[in-house]
Amino acid sequence: MRPIPRALLIHTATLLTGASDAWQSGESAPLAQLRYVRVEPRAAQTRTRDDTRAEPAALLLYDARHSLPPNVAFTPGQFVLFQGVRYSVDTVEALYDGRRMHHVELTLGS
């Protein structure tokens, strides 16, 4: 399978460490400057008994061949800073094209 075309990987984001305590009040240190990635922002709506809220959410695509730096280890609980919005990494899914990894999809939440 061919890699994601580089012309589609137009974004840059910063990967940050997870919070140091249970209240997420610790400072997040930069882990990596992600280049040649694709971020698809979307608004996730959550409904409670009292109201409906639109929360920022996004999908980040990290290509195994074109995205830099290579071989980044993503884990849930980390943060991604994209266009001034800090997202938390909710899920990490590595997708393969047979034997090799093709890309990683990160589901980002608020």
Protein backbone atom coordinates (compact mmCIF):
# COMPACT_ATOMS: atom_id res chain seq x y z
CA MET A 1 0.00 0.00 0.00
CA ARG A 2 1.27 3.47 -0.81
CA PRO A 3 1.97 5.97 1.99
CA ILE A 4 -0.33 8.91 2.58
CA PRO A 5 0.60 11.52 -0.06
CA ARG A 6 2.88 14.17 1.39
CA ALA A 7 0.72 16.89 -0.18
CA LEU A 8 -2.04 15.89 2.30
CA LEU A 9 0.27 16.00 5.34
CA ILE A 10 0.20 19.77 5.68
CA HIS A 11 0.11 20.28 9.44
CA THR A 12 2.54 20.69 12.31
CA ALA A 13 1.71 19.92 15.94
CA THR A 14 3.54 19.52 19.25
CA LEU A 15 3.37 16.32 21.30
CA LEU A 16 3.39 17.02 25.05
CA THR A 17 3.86 14.78 28.10
CA GLY A 18 0.87 13.79 30.17
CA ALA A 19 -0.04 15.59 33.38
CA SER A 20 1.96 14.69 36.45
CA ASP A 21 -0.93 14.35 38.92
CA ALA A 22 -4.53 13.17 39.04
CA TRP A 23 -5.89 16.70 38.66
CA GLN A 24 -3.86 17.36 35.49
CA SER A 25 -2.48 20.56 36.96
CA GLY A 26 1.16 19.75 36.21
CA GLU A 27 3.03 21.40 33.39
CA SER A 28 3.35 19.45 30.15
CA ALA A 29 6.82 19.33 28.62
CA PRO A 30 7.26 19.07 24.84
CA LEU A 31 8.21 15.58 23.66
CA ALA A 32 8.35 16.09 19.89
CA GLN A 33 7.53 18.58 17.15
CA LEU A 34 5.33 16.57 14.77
CA ARG A 35 5.74 17.59 11.13
CA TYR A 36 3.98 16.33 8.01
CA VAL A 37 0.89 15.12 9.86
CA ARG A 38 -2.79 15.58 9.10
CA VAL A 39 -5.21 16.92 11.72
CA GLU A 40 -8.94 16.86 11.05
CA PRO A 41 -10.66 19.00 13.69
CA ARG A 42 -14.28 18.32 14.53
CA ALA A 43 -16.67 19.35 17.26
CA ALA A 44 -17.91 16.51 19.45
CA GLN A 45 -21.21 17.18 21.12
CA THR A 46 -21.91 15.75 24.53
CA ARG A 47 -25.38 15.73 25.96
CA THR A 48 -26.14 15.74 29.63
CA ARG A 49 -29.43 16.08 31.41
CA ASP A 50 -28.83 19.81 31.80
CA ASP A 51 -27.36 20.94 28.49
CA THR A 52 -25.56 20.10 25.27
CA ARG A 53 -21.91 21.06 24.89
CA ALA A 54 -19.66 21.23 21.86
CA GLU A 55 -16.19 20.11 22.86
CA PRO A 56 -13.13 20.35 20.62
CA ALA A 57 -12.02 17.03 19.18
CA ALA A 58 -9.81 15.95 16.28
CA LEU A 59 -8.25 13.04 14.44
CA LEU A 60 -4.47 13.12 13.90
CA LEU A 61 -2.88 10.98 11.16
CA TYR A 62 0.83 10.20 11.54
CA ASP A 63 2.24 8.51 8.42
CA ALA A 64 4.92 5.85 8.95
CA ARG A 65 6.97 7.03 5.97
CA HIS A 66 6.56 10.82 5.65
CA SER A 67 5.77 12.12 9.15
CA LEU A 68 8.64 13.42 11.27
CA PRO A 69 10.26 12.65 13.66
CA PRO A 70 10.24 8.94 12.85
CA ASN A 71 9.20 6.23 15.33
CA VAL A 72 7.32 8.41 17.81
CA ALA A 73 5.75 6.40 20.65
CA PHE A 74 2.22 7.68 21.24
CA THR A 75 0.32 6.76 24.41
CA PRO A 76 -3.11 7.75 25.72
CA GLY A 77 -2.80 10.50 28.28
CA GLN A 78 -0.32 12.57 26.30
CA PHE A 79 -1.34 15.92 24.84
CA VAL A 80 -1.16 17.46 21.37
CA LEU A 81 -0.96 21.20 20.82
CA PHE A 82 -2.41 22.17 17.43
CA GLN A 83 -3.23 25.74 16.34
CA GLY A 84 -3.28 26.94 19.94
CA VAL A 85 -5.70 24.24 21.15
CA ARG A 86 -4.48 21.59 23.57
CA TYR A 87 -6.01 18.18 22.93
CA SER A 88 -5.62 15.04 25.02
CA VAL A 89 -4.73 11.78 23.29
CA ASP A 90 -7.70 9.47 23.94
CA THR A 91 -6.92 6.49 21.70
CA VAL A 92 -3.93 5.37 19.63
CA GLU A 93 -4.47 2.94 16.75
CA ALA A 94 -1.60 1.67 14.60
CA LEU A 95 -2.82 0.51 11.18
CA TYR A 96 -0.81 -1.95 9.09
CA ASP A 97 -0.67 -2.79 5.38
CA GLY A 98 0.29 -6.40 5.75
CA ARG A 99 3.65 -6.64 7.53
CA ARG A 100 4.54 -2.99 8.08
CA MET A 101 2.86 -0.12 9.85
CA HIS A 102 1.14 2.24 7.40
CA HIS A 103 0.01 5.04 9.74
CA VAL A 104 -1.11 5.83 13.27
CA GLU A 105 -4.50 7.38 14.03
CA LEU A 106 -4.84 9.36 17.23
CA THR A 107 -8.27 10.30 18.51
CA LEU A 108 -7.93 13.64 20.29
CA GLY A 109 -10.38 15.06 22.81
CA SER A 110 -10.62 18.17 24.92
